[in-house]
Amino acid sequence: MSRTEQHAAFGFLIYYAIYILWTGSFIMPSYYISSIIFFSICPDLDAIIFYLKKRGKFKLDTEFQHHFSSIAHYPLLYIPFIIMFIINLFVGSNPLTSVIPVIGIYFGHFLFDTIACGDGIMWGKNPFRRKKYARFINIYCNKTDGYHGKYWGARYRTTKISKIGNIAVLFCVIIFLFFQFSNVTIVIPAYPSYSRRISYHNSIMFLLMMLFLGLTFTSKKWLREPPEGRYSDYRIKERYINGLSEKNRQIHLKKYSGLLENKNTISKYTSPKNSNIIY
């Protein structure tokens, strides 16, 4: 995952551009902002489930691999939002509202997880077939590839994408402050009698608080190699490899043959039925 506040910032900025083009207004009501922030960070709320499963013993170490195991990080789960938006676009009254989940989840979250996260995203994973998996798509992740939890976080903060994300967060705060202190009065269409300026304090405080937490000092121990070693993840998991289609399975075994040999797991996948795999 990218950091939470960066997901929120990227999602807002993309939606804000659409909002300006659609309405011609540079001032956005705070309820739109709250909605786009929520949907931009929505998939990462699975961390709460992880916390509950661990009965409060929440350790962001190599064990935390929610892009692999959490249904919340399977993009196909959210297809109904796309369908709702398309329907609303042609027969609905306000597609600007129905597009919020699509922009937040797919562009604010999954797009940047595909670019900035070591694992990437399984874009083709069927969320309702538990034992079947798809290939991970990841771009620009040489520094973070194969690391998880705080091991990932300590390395991610040194990347260009992270620095761009921090700038995006601060830019959002400036925009929200502009909204807050603008003399333009916002009238909510559903409540035309509502005329006072809307407060953007919550969004500002959320972004600043999460940015502060993301920039706080990280112990040097997280910059060391994890005890399990790098790439102790889906790349060597028997469950994942066996859950791939035959074509993707062969691609995976060929791509990671050296890693599987180093982990002493390649022998599991060299049975006669797989003898056509070329390394």
Protein backbone atom coordinates (compact mmCIF):
# COMPACT_ATOMS: atom_id res chain seq x y z
CA MET A 1 0.00 0.00 0.00
CA SER A 2 1.04 3.59 -0.45
CA ARG A 3 0.66 5.63 2.70
CA THR A 4 -2.95 6.36 3.62
CA GLU A 5 -2.76 10.13 3.31
CA GLN A 6 -1.16 9.82 -0.11
CA HIS A 7 -3.99 7.62 -1.37
CA ALA A 8 -6.41 10.28 -0.12
CA ALA A 9 -4.45 13.09 -1.77
CA PHE A 10 -4.09 11.38 -5.15
CA GLY A 11 -7.75 10.39 -5.17
CA PHE A 12 -8.87 13.92 -4.32
CA LEU A 13 -6.67 15.62 -6.91
CA ILE A 14 -7.91 13.36 -9.71
CA TYR A 15 -11.52 13.86 -8.66
CA TYR A 16 -11.01 17.61 -8.20
CA ALA A 17 -9.87 17.93 -11.83
CA ILE A 18 -13.05 16.12 -12.94
CA TYR A 19 -15.16 18.29 -10.63
CA ILE A 20 -13.75 21.50 -12.13
CA LEU A 21 -14.31 20.30 -15.69
CA TRP A 22 -17.85 19.16 -14.88
CA THR A 23 -19.07 22.12 -12.82
CA GLY A 24 -16.76 24.97 -13.82
CA SER A 25 -16.33 25.74 -10.12
CA PHE A 26 -13.06 25.71 -8.18
CA ILE A 27 -14.80 25.44 -4.80
CA MET A 28 -15.83 21.93 -3.75
CA PRO A 29 -18.29 21.15 -0.93
CA SER A 30 -16.72 19.31 1.98
CA TYR A 31 -19.05 16.31 1.68
CA TYR A 32 -17.52 15.54 -1.71
CA ILE A 33 -14.08 15.75 -0.14
CA SER A 34 -15.01 13.44 2.73
CA SER A 35 -16.44 10.92 0.28
CA ILE A 36 -13.45 10.84 -2.07
CA ILE A 37 -11.05 10.55 0.87
CA PHE A 38 -13.04 7.64 2.32
CA PHE A 39 -13.14 5.66 -0.92
CA SER A 40 -9.48 6.40 -1.68
CA ILE A 41 -8.41 4.74 1.58
CA CYS A 42 -11.25 2.19 1.71
CA PRO A 43 -9.25 -0.93 0.67
CA ASP A 44 -6.70 -0.28 3.43
CA LEU A 45 -9.41 -0.52 6.08
CA ASP A 46 -8.70 -4.26 5.96
CA ALA A 47 -5.92 -3.44 8.43
CA ILE A 48 -8.68 -3.24 11.05
CA ILE A 49 -9.65 -6.85 10.28
CA PHE A 50 -6.00 -7.86 10.55
CA TYR A 51 -5.84 -6.11 13.92
CA LEU A 52 -8.92 -7.94 15.21
CA LYS A 53 -7.65 -11.31 13.98
CA LYS A 54 -4.43 -10.73 15.88
CA ARG A 55 -6.44 -9.75 18.96
CA GLY A 56 -4.80 -6.38 19.17
CA LYS A 57 -1.26 -7.68 18.61
CA PHE A 58 -0.81 -5.62 15.47
CA LYS A 59 2.71 -6.00 14.14
CA LEU A 60 3.42 -4.45 10.78
CA ASP A 61 6.09 -6.95 9.88
CA THR A 62 6.55 -9.38 7.00
CA GLU A 63 3.39 -11.23 8.04
CA PHE A 64 1.25 -8.27 6.96
CA GLN A 65 0.63 -9.06 3.27
CA HIS A 66 -2.90 -7.86 2.67
CA HIS A 67 -2.49 -7.40 -1.10
CA PHE A 68 -2.26 -11.18 -1.29
CA SER A 69 -4.73 -12.35 1.32
CA SER A 70 -7.34 -9.61 1.73
CA ILE A 71 -10.47 -9.55 -0.42
CA ALA A 72 -10.54 -5.77 0.04
CA HIS A 73 -7.51 -5.54 -2.26
CA TYR A 74 -9.06 -7.45 -5.16
CA PRO A 75 -10.18 -4.79 -7.71
CA LEU A 76 -12.89 -6.96 -9.28
CA LEU A 77 -14.79 -6.82 -5.98
CA TYR A 78 -15.70 -3.21 -6.69
CA ILE A 79 -17.06 -3.71 -10.22
CA PRO A 80 -20.63 -2.89 -9.01
CA PHE A 81 -19.50 0.70 -8.42
CA ILE A 82 -18.47 0.94 -12.07
CA ILE A 83 -21.82 -0.50 -13.17
CA MET A 84 -23.68 1.96 -10.94
CA PHE A 85 -21.70 4.86 -12.39
CA ILE A 86 -22.39 3.81 -15.99
CA ILE A 87 -26.12 3.50 -15.26
CA ASN A 88 -26.12 6.85 -13.49
CA LEU A 89 -24.23 8.45 -16.35
CA PHE A 90 -27.07 7.72 -18.75
CA VAL A 91 -30.20 7.67 -16.61
CA GLY A 92 -29.18 9.13 -13.25
CA SER A 93 -29.34 12.65 -11.95
CA ASN A 94 -25.81 13.22 -10.66
CA PRO A 95 -22.96 11.11 -12.11
CA LEU A 96 -20.53 13.41 -10.30
CA THR A 97 -21.54 11.62 -7.11
CA SER A 98 -21.60 8.05 -8.43
CA VAL A 99 -18.11 8.40 -9.93
CA ILE A 100 -16.57 9.09 -6.51
CA PRO A 101 -16.14 5.39 -5.51
CA VAL A 102 -14.68 4.58 -8.94
CA ILE A 103 -12.12 7.39 -8.81
CA GLY A 104 -11.24 6.81 -5.16
CA ILE A 105 -10.88 3.03 -5.22
CA TYR A 106 -9.39 2.48 -8.67
CA PHE A 107 -7.41 5.65 -9.32
CA GLY A 108 -6.70 6.95 -5.82
CA HIS A 109 -5.86 3.53 -4.41
CA PHE A 110 -5.24 0.60 -6.75
CA LEU A 111 -3.47 2.61 -9.46
CA PHE A 112 -0.88 3.91 -7.02
CA ASP A 113 -0.55 0.56 -5.26
CA THR A 114 0.27 -0.88 -8.68
CA ILE A 115 2.94 1.78 -9.18
CA ALA A 116 4.34 2.29 -5.70
CA CYS A 117 3.88 -0.95 -3.80
CA GLY A 118 6.34 -3.83 -3.86
CA ASP A 119 3.67 -6.48 -4.36
CA GLY A 120 1.46 -4.55 -6.72
CA ILE A 121 -2.14 -5.59 -7.28
CA MET A 122 -3.83 -8.75 -8.59
CA TRP A 123 -6.09 -6.97 -11.06
CA GLY A 124 -7.52 -10.23 -12.40
CA LYS A 125 -8.21 -11.96 -9.06
CA ASN A 126 -11.74 -13.29 -8.74
CA PRO A 127 -12.70 -12.33 -5.17
CA PHE A 128 -15.20 -15.19 -4.96
CA ARG A 129 -12.78 -17.99 -5.87
CA ARG A 130 -10.64 -18.23 -2.78
CA LYS A 131 -8.10 -20.72 -4.11
CA LYS A 132 -7.63 -19.12 -7.52
CA TYR A 133 -5.15 -16.31 -8.05
CA ALA A 134 -4.00 -13.92 -10.74
CA ARG A 135 -0.63 -12.42 -11.53
CA PHE A 136 0.49 -9.38 -9.57
CA ILE A 137 1.09 -6.23 -11.61
CA ASN A 138 3.71 -3.92 -10.13
CA ILE A 139 5.64 -1.04 -11.64
CA TYR A 140 8.50 1.10 -10.33
CA CYS A 141 9.10 -0.95 -7.21
CA ASN A 142 12.77 -1.96 -7.26
CA LYS A 143 13.40 -0.52 -3.79
CA THR A 144 10.28 -1.92 -2.13
CA ASP A 145 9.71 -5.15 -4.03
CA GLY A 146 9.57 -8.12 -1.66
CA TYR A 147 9.28 -6.13 1.57
CA HIS A 148 6.21 -5.81 3.77
CA GLY A 149 4.89 -3.88 6.74
CA LYS A 150 7.41 -1.53 8.31
CA TYR A 151 10.20 -3.11 6.27
CA TRP A 152 8.34 -1.82 3.22
CA GLY A 153 7.51 1.53 4.84
CA ALA A 154 11.12 2.30 5.75
CA ARG A 155 12.14 1.81 2.13
CA TYR A 156 9.11 3.40 0.51
CA ARG A 157 9.73 6.74 2.18
CA THR A 158 13.04 7.00 0.26
CA THR A 159 11.40 6.63 -3.16
CA LYS A 160 10.49 9.42 -5.59
CA ILE A 161 6.85 8.34 -5.53
CA SER A 162 6.76 8.86 -1.75
CA LYS A 163 8.20 12.36 -2.08
CA ILE A 164 5.69 13.19 -4.81
CA GLY A 165 2.96 11.84 -2.53
CA ASN A 166 4.06 14.11 0.32
CA ILE A 167 3.93 17.12 -2.00
CA ALA A 168 0.45 16.05 -3.15
CA VAL A 169 -0.74 15.90 0.47
CA LEU A 170 0.55 19.40 1.24
CA PHE A 171 -0.98 20.69 -1.98
CA CYS A 172 -4.35 19.26 -0.89
CA VAL A 173 -4.05 20.98 2.48
CA ILE A 174 -3.43 24.30 0.72
CA ILE A 175 -6.49 23.73 -1.48
CA PHE A 176 -8.64 22.88 1.55
CA LEU A 177 -7.44 26.03 3.31
CA PHE A 178 -8.40 27.99 0.22
CA PHE A 179 -11.85 26.42 0.36
CA GLN A 180 -12.15 27.17 4.05
CA PHE A 181 -11.28 30.83 3.84
CA SER A 182 -12.85 31.56 0.48
CA ASN A 183 -15.57 34.19 0.43
CA VAL A 184 -17.61 32.04 -1.95
CA THR A 185 -20.74 30.67 -0.33
CA ILE A 186 -21.51 27.06 -1.20
CA VAL A 187 -25.13 26.07 -1.59
CA ILE A 188 -25.87 22.35 -1.31
CA PRO A 189 -28.35 21.40 -4.07
CA ALA A 190 -30.27 19.06 -1.76
CA TYR A 191 -30.50 21.77 0.92
CA PRO A 192 -30.81 25.13 -0.90
CA SER A 193 -31.54 26.96 2.35
CA TYR A 194 -28.17 25.88 3.76
CA SER A 195 -25.94 28.88 3.15
CA ARG A 196 -23.13 29.00 5.71
CA ARG A 197 -19.59 28.15 4.70
CA ILE A 198 -18.70 24.50 5.10
CA SER A 199 -15.86 23.53 7.40
CA TYR A 200 -12.92 21.62 5.92
CA HIS A 201 -11.14 21.24 9.23
CA ASN A 202 -11.59 17.48 9.47
CA SER A 203 -10.01 16.79 6.09
CA ILE A 204 -7.11 19.13 6.83
CA MET A 205 -6.44 17.60 10.23
CA PHE A 206 -6.68 14.05 8.87
CA LEU A 207 -4.13 14.67 6.13
CA LEU A 208 -1.72 16.52 8.41
CA MET A 209 -1.97 13.91 11.15
CA MET A 210 -1.36 11.00 8.77
CA LEU A 211 1.47 12.88 7.06
CA PHE A 212 3.11 13.48 10.43
CA LEU A 213 2.83 9.80 11.33
CA GLY A 214 4.25 8.83 7.96
CA LEU A 215 7.23 11.14 8.32
CA THR A 216 8.12 10.30 11.91
CA PHE A 217 11.42 8.61 12.50
CA THR A 218 11.60 4.96 11.54
CA SER A 219 13.84 2.70 13.59
CA LYS A 220 16.94 1.59 11.72
CA LYS A 221 16.03 -2.02 12.43
CA TRP A 222 13.36 -1.82 9.72
CA LEU A 223 16.05 -0.99 7.16
CA ARG A 224 17.73 -4.31 7.88
CA GLU A 225 16.73 -7.41 6.00
CA PRO A 226 13.72 -9.16 7.60
CA PRO A 227 14.49 -12.44 9.43
CA GLU A 228 12.51 -14.36 6.81
CA GLY A 229 14.50 -12.69 4.06
CA ARG A 230 13.33 -10.58 1.16
CA TYR A 231 10.60 -12.05 -1.06
CA SER A 232 9.11 -14.24 1.66
CA ASP A 233 5.73 -13.67 0.12
CA TYR A 234 3.42 -14.81 -2.68
CA ARG A 235 6.39 -15.49 -4.95
CA ILE A 236 7.23 -18.65 -3.02
CA LYS A 237 3.82 -19.49 -1.54
CA GLU A 238 2.62 -22.89 -2.70
CA ARG A 239 -0.98 -21.78 -2.29
CA TYR A 240 -0.49 -18.87 -4.68
CA ILE A 241 1.52 -20.76 -7.29
CA ASN A 242 -0.90 -23.68 -7.40
CA GLY A 243 -3.81 -21.24 -7.64
CA LEU A 244 -2.56 -19.68 -10.87
CA SER A 245 -3.80 -20.71 -14.27
CA GLU A 246 -1.44 -23.09 -16.05
CA LYS A 247 -0.16 -20.32 -18.32
CA ASN A 248 0.47 -17.88 -15.48
CA ARG A 249 1.94 -20.64 -13.36
CA GLN A 250 4.57 -21.41 -15.97
CA ILE A 251 5.38 -17.71 -16.35
CA HIS A 252 5.73 -17.38 -12.58
CA LEU A 253 7.97 -20.43 -12.21
CA LYS A 254 10.19 -19.28 -15.04
CA LYS A 255 10.45 -15.72 -13.70
CA TYR A 256 11.19 -16.73 -10.11
CA SER A 257 13.07 -19.99 -10.67
CA GLY A 258 16.24 -18.61 -9.04
CA LEU A 259 14.34 -17.38 -6.00
CA LEU A 260 12.49 -20.68 -5.61
CA GLU A 261 15.77 -22.58 -5.81
CA ASN A 262 17.30 -20.35 -3.14
CA LYS A 263 14.29 -20.95 -0.92
CA ASN A 264 14.55 -24.70 -1.58
CA THR A 265 10.97 -24.86 -2.82
CA ILE A 266 11.50 -25.39 -6.55
CA SER A 267 11.30 -29.18 -6.13
CA LYS A 268 7.60 -28.89 -5.27
CA TYR A 269 6.88 -27.68 -8.78
CA THR A 270 9.08 -29.96 -10.87
CA SER A 271 6.75 -32.93 -11.07
CA PRO A 272 6.37 -34.72 -14.45
CA LYS A 273 3.19 -32.80 -15.28
CA ASN A 274 5.22 -29.61 -15.10
CA SER A 275 8.18 -30.93 -17.06
CA ASN A 276 7.38 -28.59 -19.96
CA ILE A 277 8.43 -25.58 -17.91
CA ILE A 278 11.66 -24.05 -19.18
CA TYR A 279 13.93 -22.29 -16.72
